[in-house]
Amino acid sequence: MSVGWGNWDVRVYAAEAWVSLAPRFAAEQPMIVDRLEAILDDPVPAVRLQAAQNLQVLCVAAPDRMWAMGERIAMQEPEAQILVSYLNHAMRCFCHSDPERCEAVLSIVKERLDGDHAGCDFLQQSLGGWTAQLFVGQGRALTRTWLGEWAADAERHGDLLNSFASSLRGTFFLRYGPEAEAETCAMCDRAQEGLALILTQATAISGAAYSVLASDAAEADKQAARKQYRAAENVIRHAMNQLYFGSGSCAGNREREPGLPDAAAMARFLTDYANILALLASSREPATLHHLIELYEFLIPGDPVSVFDAVYAILLGRGEEEGYHYESLGNTAVVRIVQRYIADYRGIFEDEVRRARLVAILQLFSEVGWTDALKLLYDLPDLLR
């Protein structure tokens, strides 16, 4: 059923009028509170929406009734859009002042998510944002527990996990700012903890599903594994994108995102996020690996040696297994990285092992026909002199 309305839907405007009266007169006129509660029972969704998304107007006149109405919306409202509007607008006002009451409402919503609303994208996105707010932003333990439960089922809760990560794109890098405070760093720590939790679970799900797909399992089992694999890899790719765009790796985001402002911050990020970067490198999806390669390219000034070794491990490991060297974007990125190393960090190839790895990278791409990689390979002895 639609929650939209037009000029002739006068009952919607009547509901808006009752909402407008509440902040000024509800304390002296309890009937206004009664009317708003009655509106929540209206058969027309657009009418119910006016009260649900503005329920915070009762916070002074009738706070207990306001929360009771909120729990009623969470428990009984059949329209997911109305429930989400309440969560994202009316209840959001109290995330700092009354987090316990917010968690009580969210607990009801979580039970519904595990039931008939499991497929509602908007509801999952709202819960993902709330988890980021309460766990990462405020250090609430309950939502941290919920996140662990949701991360164990990427197929069912992928939208929620992606919403959680999207909400924290800038938070992942707060500790690298020039004037990062203790609480800011604590938020960054919790964001990193949440991302590691999601990626650990998603990587395990993806690996288990891939094993089934590569086995002689029954077709029904393979179909189920295929869904699990796609869901888990989608979560992994989405997490990768948050680091890619948030760090400043993408040229268009370097001014708008907090990112990593200098080589010292990059070096620290490489150390802090080593486990997460390793989890991302285990992905079997070329799109994920490509953004990871480009992220490492951006991080070269932080630690040229460790970045080169990490890129080599990806290209000659999972990248080769999954055919990343056949991708034109992959060839372009690798040639660009090699040219940069030769121009700015040639000295690291005085080590014979590292020089052999450079040759192996160029051979991998030149053997499938990329002419610019082949030219670099033939010119390499002169370039390294």
Protein backbone atom coordinates (compact mmCIF):
# COMPACT_ATOMS: atom_id res chain seq x y z
CA MET A 1 0.00 0.00 0.00
CA SER A 2 1.28 3.49 -0.91
CA VAL A 3 2.16 6.05 1.75
CA GLY A 4 1.93 8.93 -0.70
CA TRP A 5 -0.85 11.52 -0.80
CA GLY A 6 -2.22 14.33 -2.92
CA ASN A 7 -4.00 17.66 -2.56
CA TRP A 8 -7.38 16.04 -1.91
CA ASP A 9 -6.19 13.87 0.97
CA VAL A 10 -7.46 16.29 3.58
CA ARG A 11 -7.20 13.79 6.44
CA VAL A 12 -3.44 13.81 5.96
CA TYR A 13 -3.40 17.57 6.44
CA ALA A 14 -5.61 17.22 9.48
CA ALA A 15 -3.09 14.82 10.98
CA GLU A 16 -0.33 17.32 10.19
CA ALA A 17 -2.32 19.98 12.01
CA TRP A 18 -2.56 17.86 15.17
CA VAL A 19 1.20 17.29 14.99
CA SER A 20 1.78 21.05 14.68
CA LEU A 21 -0.35 21.76 17.74
CA ALA A 22 1.42 19.25 20.00
CA PRO A 23 4.67 21.12 20.84
CA ARG A 24 2.81 24.21 22.06
CA PHE A 25 -0.41 22.93 23.56
CA ALA A 26 -0.18 19.17 24.33
CA ALA A 27 0.88 19.77 27.96
CA GLU A 28 -2.31 21.76 28.68
CA GLN A 29 -4.54 19.82 26.29
CA PRO A 30 -4.07 16.05 26.76
CA MET A 31 -6.64 15.42 24.04
CA ILE A 32 -3.94 16.31 21.50
CA VAL A 33 -1.88 13.36 22.73
CA ASP A 34 -5.00 11.18 22.48
CA ARG A 35 -5.56 12.33 18.91
CA LEU A 36 -1.99 11.52 17.87
CA GLU A 37 -2.31 8.07 19.40
CA ALA A 38 -5.57 7.54 17.53
CA ILE A 39 -3.90 8.61 14.29
CA LEU A 40 -1.52 5.65 14.65
CA ASP A 41 -4.58 3.39 14.22
CA ASP A 42 -5.78 5.12 11.06
CA PRO A 43 -6.39 2.71 8.14
CA VAL A 44 -4.64 5.07 5.69
CA PRO A 45 -0.82 4.73 5.80
CA ALA A 46 -0.18 8.35 4.79
CA VAL A 47 -2.18 9.54 7.80
CA ARG A 48 -0.31 7.26 10.20
CA LEU A 49 2.97 8.48 8.75
CA GLN A 50 2.35 12.06 9.93
CA ALA A 51 2.25 10.98 13.57
CA ALA A 52 4.92 8.30 13.37
CA GLN A 53 7.65 10.43 11.82
CA ASN A 54 6.97 13.35 14.17
CA LEU A 55 6.38 11.57 17.45
CA GLN A 56 9.20 13.52 19.11
CA VAL A 57 6.80 16.49 19.47
CA LEU A 58 5.44 14.74 22.59
CA CYS A 59 8.80 14.47 24.37
CA VAL A 60 7.99 17.32 26.78
CA ALA A 61 4.26 16.96 27.26
CA ALA A 62 4.01 13.14 27.46
CA PRO A 63 7.40 11.38 27.26
CA ASP A 64 6.20 8.04 28.65
CA ARG A 65 3.27 7.89 26.26
CA MET A 66 5.57 8.90 23.43
CA TRP A 67 7.82 5.89 24.07
CA ALA A 68 4.82 3.60 24.49
CA MET A 69 3.59 4.73 21.09
CA GLY A 70 7.05 4.15 19.65
CA GLU A 71 7.09 0.58 20.94
CA ARG A 72 3.62 0.11 19.52
CA ILE A 73 4.82 1.28 16.10
CA ALA A 74 7.79 -1.06 16.30
CA MET A 75 5.56 -3.97 17.25
CA GLN A 76 2.41 -3.46 15.16
CA GLU A 77 2.96 -1.07 12.22
CA PRO A 78 2.41 -3.12 9.03
CA GLU A 79 4.06 -0.63 6.66
CA ALA A 80 7.85 -0.89 6.79
CA GLN A 81 8.23 2.63 5.36
CA ILE A 82 6.33 4.10 8.28
CA LEU A 83 8.34 2.10 10.79
CA VAL A 84 11.58 3.26 9.17
CA SER A 85 10.40 6.87 9.17
CA TYR A 86 9.81 6.64 12.90
CA LEU A 87 13.23 5.11 13.50
CA ASN A 88 15.12 7.53 11.26
CA HIS A 89 13.34 10.75 12.22
CA ALA A 90 11.37 10.78 15.45
CA MET A 91 13.46 8.32 17.47
CA ARG A 92 16.80 9.53 16.11
CA CYS A 93 16.41 12.68 18.22
CA PHE A 94 16.94 10.61 21.40
CA CYS A 95 19.97 8.47 20.47
CA HIS A 96 22.17 10.42 22.89
CA SER A 97 19.71 11.48 25.55
CA ASP A 98 17.91 8.16 26.00
CA PRO A 99 19.84 5.30 24.35
CA GLU A 100 18.31 2.65 26.64
CA ARG A 101 14.78 3.45 25.43
CA CYS A 102 16.03 3.47 21.84
CA GLU A 103 17.55 0.03 22.33
CA ALA A 104 14.26 -1.24 23.77
CA VAL A 105 12.45 -0.18 20.60
CA LEU A 106 15.20 -1.55 18.37
CA SER A 107 15.00 -4.90 20.19
CA ILE A 108 11.38 -5.16 19.07
CA VAL A 109 12.34 -4.24 15.51
CA LYS A 110 15.13 -6.81 15.57
CA GLU A 111 12.63 -9.54 16.42
CA ARG A 112 10.51 -8.46 13.48
CA LEU A 113 13.57 -8.42 11.23
CA ASP A 114 14.20 -12.04 12.13
CA GLY A 115 10.64 -12.80 11.04
CA ASP A 116 8.37 -11.37 8.39
CA HIS A 117 10.38 -8.18 7.73
CA ALA A 118 13.68 -9.96 6.99
CA GLY A 119 13.54 -8.91 3.33
CA CYS A 120 12.86 -5.21 3.89
CA ASP A 121 15.81 -3.26 2.51
CA PHE A 122 14.88 0.04 4.16
CA LEU A 123 14.43 -1.56 7.56
CA GLN A 124 17.79 -3.30 7.35
CA GLN A 125 19.47 -0.07 6.28
CA SER A 126 17.93 1.75 9.22
CA LEU A 127 19.11 -0.88 11.70
CA GLY A 128 22.58 -0.78 10.17
CA GLY A 129 22.73 2.97 10.70
CA TRP A 130 21.46 2.65 14.26
CA THR A 131 24.09 0.00 15.02
CA ALA A 132 26.80 2.32 13.74
CA GLN A 133 25.43 5.11 15.92
CA LEU A 134 24.99 3.18 19.15
CA PHE A 135 27.94 0.79 18.99
CA VAL A 136 30.57 2.87 17.20
CA GLY A 137 29.39 6.35 18.09
CA GLN A 138 28.42 5.68 21.71
CA GLY A 139 30.09 2.39 22.67
CA ARG A 140 26.87 0.52 23.45
CA ALA A 141 27.57 -3.19 23.99
CA LEU A 142 24.14 -4.53 23.03
CA THR A 143 24.32 -3.43 19.41
CA ARG A 144 27.85 -4.88 19.21
CA THR A 145 26.32 -8.25 20.11
CA TRP A 146 23.64 -7.80 17.47
CA LEU A 147 26.24 -6.99 14.84
CA GLY A 148 27.98 -10.29 15.54
CA GLU A 149 24.70 -12.15 15.06
CA TRP A 150 23.89 -10.37 11.82
CA ALA A 151 27.41 -10.79 10.39
CA ALA A 152 27.01 -14.58 10.63
CA ASP A 153 24.31 -14.48 7.94
CA ALA A 154 25.39 -12.22 5.07
CA GLU A 155 22.73 -13.62 2.77
CA ARG A 156 19.91 -12.48 5.02
CA HIS A 157 21.44 -9.34 6.51
CA GLY A 158 23.69 -8.08 3.74
CA ASP A 159 21.85 -4.75 3.40
CA LEU A 160 22.18 -4.15 7.13
CA LEU A 161 25.91 -4.91 7.15
CA ASN A 162 26.47 -2.67 4.12
CA SER A 163 24.52 0.15 5.77
CA PHE A 164 26.67 -0.19 8.88
CA ALA A 165 29.87 0.10 6.86
CA SER A 166 28.57 2.97 4.71
CA SER A 167 27.68 4.98 7.80
CA LEU A 168 31.29 4.77 8.97
CA ARG A 169 33.23 5.64 5.82
CA GLY A 170 34.74 8.73 7.41
CA THR A 171 34.94 7.23 10.90
CA PHE A 172 37.46 4.59 9.80
CA PHE A 173 40.02 7.39 9.37
CA LEU A 174 39.25 9.74 12.24
CA ARG A 175 42.32 8.79 14.25
CA TYR A 176 44.59 9.95 11.43
CA GLY A 177 43.43 13.56 11.57
CA PRO A 178 45.84 16.23 12.82
CA GLU A 179 43.87 16.92 16.00
CA ALA A 180 42.25 13.58 16.79
CA GLU A 181 40.91 13.48 20.36
CA ALA A 182 40.66 10.46 22.63
CA GLU A 183 36.94 9.91 22.03
CA THR A 184 37.43 10.30 18.28
CA CYS A 185 40.14 7.64 18.36
CA ALA A 186 37.89 5.36 20.43
CA MET A 187 35.15 5.69 17.80
CA CYS A 188 37.67 4.81 15.10
CA ASP A 189 38.75 1.76 17.13
CA ARG A 190 35.16 0.55 17.41
CA ALA A 191 34.52 1.16 13.70
CA GLN A 192 37.60 -0.89 12.87
CA GLU A 193 36.47 -3.63 15.26
CA GLY A 194 33.05 -3.77 13.62
CA LEU A 195 34.53 -3.91 10.12
CA ALA A 196 36.92 -6.69 11.12
CA LEU A 197 34.03 -8.64 12.61
CA ILE A 198 31.99 -8.33 9.41
CA LEU A 199 34.89 -9.21 7.12
CA THR A 200 35.98 -12.19 9.22
CA GLN A 201 32.52 -13.70 9.03
CA ALA A 202 31.97 -12.81 5.36
CA THR A 203 35.34 -14.26 4.37
CA ALA A 204 34.57 -17.50 6.18
CA ILE A 205 31.14 -17.73 4.51
CA SER A 206 32.62 -17.02 1.09
CA GLY A 207 35.36 -19.62 1.55
CA ALA A 208 32.96 -22.32 2.72
CA ALA A 209 30.54 -21.59 -0.14
CA TYR A 210 33.35 -21.64 -2.71
CA SER A 211 34.47 -25.04 -1.44
CA VAL A 212 30.97 -26.40 -2.04
CA LEU A 213 30.86 -24.87 -5.53
CA ALA A 214 34.20 -26.46 -6.41
CA SER A 215 33.14 -29.88 -5.09
CA ASP A 216 30.91 -32.66 -6.39
CA ALA A 217 28.03 -31.57 -4.16
CA ALA A 218 24.42 -31.91 -5.27
CA GLU A 219 23.02 -29.16 -7.48
CA ALA A 220 20.65 -27.98 -4.75
CA ASP A 221 23.59 -27.54 -2.38
CA LYS A 222 25.50 -25.64 -5.04
CA GLN A 223 22.59 -23.29 -5.65
CA ALA A 224 22.42 -22.49 -1.94
CA ALA A 225 26.20 -22.06 -1.81
CA ARG A 226 26.10 -19.75 -4.84
CA LYS A 227 23.69 -17.42 -3.06
CA GLN A 228 25.82 -17.44 0.08
CA TYR A 229 28.97 -16.76 -1.93
CA ARG A 230 27.45 -13.82 -3.79
CA ALA A 231 26.01 -12.31 -0.61
CA ALA A 232 29.30 -12.64 1.29
CA GLU A 233 31.40 -11.25 -1.56
CA ASN A 234 28.99 -8.35 -1.95
CA VAL A 235 29.53 -7.47 1.71
CA ILE A 236 33.31 -7.77 1.26
CA ARG A 237 33.27 -5.58 -1.85
CA HIS A 238 31.13 -2.96 -0.12
CA ALA A 239 33.53 -2.84 2.84
CA MET A 240 36.43 -2.50 0.43
CA ASN A 241 34.73 0.47 -1.22
CA GLN A 242 34.39 2.31 2.08
CA LEU A 243 38.14 2.14 2.65
CA TYR A 244 38.90 2.93 -0.97
CA PHE A 245 36.76 6.07 -1.15
CA GLY A 246 37.21 7.11 2.47
CA SER A 247 41.00 6.97 2.39
CA GLY A 248 41.32 9.36 -0.53
CA SER A 249 42.45 6.69 -3.01
CA CYS A 250 39.84 7.91 -5.46
CA ALA A 251 41.01 11.27 -6.82
CA GLY A 252 37.52 12.76 -6.69
CA ASN A 253 37.25 12.09 -2.94
CA ARG A 254 40.57 13.44 -1.69
CA GLU A 255 39.23 16.84 -0.78
CA ARG A 256 35.84 15.77 0.56
CA GLU A 257 36.86 12.83 2.76
CA PRO A 258 39.01 12.98 5.93
CA GLY A 259 41.20 10.21 4.52
CA LEU A 260 44.90 9.82 5.10
CA PRO A 261 46.54 13.24 4.84
CA ASP A 262 50.24 12.31 4.67
CA ALA A 263 52.78 9.50 4.48
CA ALA A 264 52.91 9.11 8.26
CA ALA A 265 49.16 8.53 8.40
CA MET A 266 49.44 6.03 5.55
CA ALA A 267 52.16 4.11 7.36
CA ARG A 268 50.09 3.98 10.51
CA PHE A 269 47.01 2.86 8.56
CA LEU A 270 48.99 0.01 6.97
CA THR A 271 49.91 -1.21 10.45
CA ASP A 272 46.51 -0.65 12.07
CA TYR A 273 44.50 -2.25 9.27
CA ALA A 274 46.92 -5.04 8.35
CA ASN A 275 44.46 -7.77 9.37
CA ILE A 276 41.57 -6.16 7.50
CA LEU A 277 43.69 -5.66 4.36
CA ALA A 278 44.68 -9.34 4.52
CA LEU A 279 41.02 -10.36 4.72
CA LEU A 280 40.19 -8.20 1.70
CA ALA A 281 43.09 -9.73 -0.23
CA SER A 282 41.49 -13.18 0.15
CA SER A 283 38.48 -12.13 -1.95
CA ARG A 284 37.98 -14.00 -5.21
CA GLU A 285 36.26 -11.09 -6.95
CA PRO A 286 38.42 -9.09 -9.41
CA ALA A 287 36.44 -5.90 -8.70
CA THR A 288 37.33 -6.11 -5.01
CA LEU A 289 40.95 -6.92 -5.76
CA HIS A 290 41.17 -4.00 -8.19
CA HIS A 291 40.10 -1.44 -5.59
CA LEU A 292 42.46 -3.04 -3.10
CA ILE A 293 45.33 -2.71 -5.60
CA GLU A 294 44.43 0.94 -6.14
CA LEU A 295 44.24 1.50 -2.38
CA TYR A 296 47.74 0.06 -2.04
CA GLU A 297 48.89 2.34 -4.86
CA PHE A 298 47.68 5.32 -2.85
CA LEU A 299 49.47 4.00 0.25
CA ILE A 300 52.89 3.60 -1.42
CA PRO A 301 54.41 6.66 0.32
CA GLY A 302 53.56 5.14 3.71
CA ASP A 303 55.75 2.06 3.25
CA PRO A 304 56.95 1.36 -0.32
CA VAL A 305 58.49 -2.01 0.53
CA SER A 306 55.56 -3.57 2.36
CA VAL A 307 53.09 -2.19 -0.20
CA PHE A 308 55.04 -3.73 -3.08
CA ASP A 309 55.22 -7.07 -1.31
CA ALA A 310 51.46 -6.95 -0.63
CA VAL A 311 50.67 -6.10 -4.26
CA TYR A 312 52.91 -8.93 -5.45
CA ALA A 313 51.18 -11.39 -3.13
CA ILE A 314 47.77 -10.39 -4.48
CA LEU A 315 48.73 -10.43 -8.16
CA LEU A 316 50.65 -13.73 -8.09
CA GLY A 317 48.22 -15.28 -5.62
CA ARG A 318 44.48 -14.78 -5.61
CA GLY A 319 44.64 -12.36 -8.53
CA GLU A 320 46.24 -14.92 -10.84
CA GLU A 321 43.84 -17.63 -9.66
CA GLU A 322 40.82 -15.50 -10.54
CA GLY A 323 42.16 -14.04 -13.80
CA TYR A 324 42.75 -10.46 -12.65
CA HIS A 325 45.64 -10.19 -15.14
CA TYR A 326 43.15 -10.53 -18.00
CA GLU A 327 41.39 -7.31 -16.96
CA SER A 328 42.36 -4.16 -18.86
CA LEU A 329 41.82 -2.02 -15.75
CA GLY A 330 44.11 -4.35 -13.86
CA ASN A 331 46.83 -4.01 -16.49
CA THR A 332 46.52 -0.21 -16.45
CA ALA A 333 46.79 -0.07 -12.66
CA VAL A 334 49.76 -2.45 -12.47
CA VAL A 335 51.72 -0.68 -15.21
CA ARG A 336 51.08 2.64 -13.47
CA ILE A 337 52.29 1.23 -10.15
CA VAL A 338 55.44 -0.26 -11.69
CA GLN A 339 56.27 2.99 -13.45
CA ARG A 340 55.87 4.87 -10.20
CA TYR A 341 58.13 2.48 -8.34
CA ILE A 342 60.81 2.72 -11.00
CA ALA A 343 60.60 6.51 -10.99
CA ASP A 344 60.45 7.14 -7.23
CA TYR A 345 61.53 4.00 -5.38
CA ARG A 346 64.01 2.29 -7.68
CA GLY A 347 66.34 1.52 -4.79
CA ILE A 348 64.08 -1.17 -3.32
CA PHE A 349 64.81 -3.37 -6.36
CA GLU A 350 68.48 -3.69 -5.46
CA ASP A 351 67.20 -6.63 -3.44
CA GLU A 352 67.33 -9.65 -5.78
CA VAL A 353 64.18 -11.26 -4.42
CA ARG A 354 62.15 -8.10 -4.88
CA ARG A 355 63.58 -7.56 -8.38
CA ALA A 356 62.57 -11.12 -9.31
CA ARG A 357 59.07 -10.39 -8.03
CA LEU A 358 58.86 -7.30 -10.22
CA VAL A 359 59.83 -9.38 -13.24
CA ALA A 360 57.23 -12.01 -12.30
CA ILE A 361 54.49 -9.36 -12.15
CA LEU A 362 55.36 -7.98 -15.58
CA GLN A 363 55.65 -11.48 -17.05
CA LEU A 364 52.19 -12.37 -15.75
CA PHE A 365 50.58 -9.45 -17.56
CA SER A 366 52.74 -9.53 -20.70
CA GLU A 367 52.10 -13.23 -21.30
CA VAL A 368 48.40 -12.56 -21.87
CA GLY A 369 49.12 -9.89 -24.47
CA TRP A 370 49.29 -6.52 -22.68
CA THR A 371 51.81 -4.62 -24.80
CA ASP A 372 52.59 -1.86 -22.29
CA ALA A 373 53.48 -4.50 -19.68
CA LEU A 374 55.62 -6.31 -22.28
CA LYS A 375 57.46 -3.09 -23.16
CA LEU A 376 58.18 -2.42 -19.49
CA LEU A 377 59.50 -5.97 -19.13
CA TYR A 378 61.92 -5.59 -22.03
CA ASP A 379 63.03 -2.12 -20.92
CA LEU A 380 63.44 -3.17 -17.30
CA PRO A 381 67.22 -3.80 -17.33
CA ASP A 382 67.83 -0.28 -18.62
CA LEU A 383 65.24 1.30 -16.33
CA LEU A 384 66.80 -0.22 -13.23
CA ARG A 385 70.35 0.87 -14.01
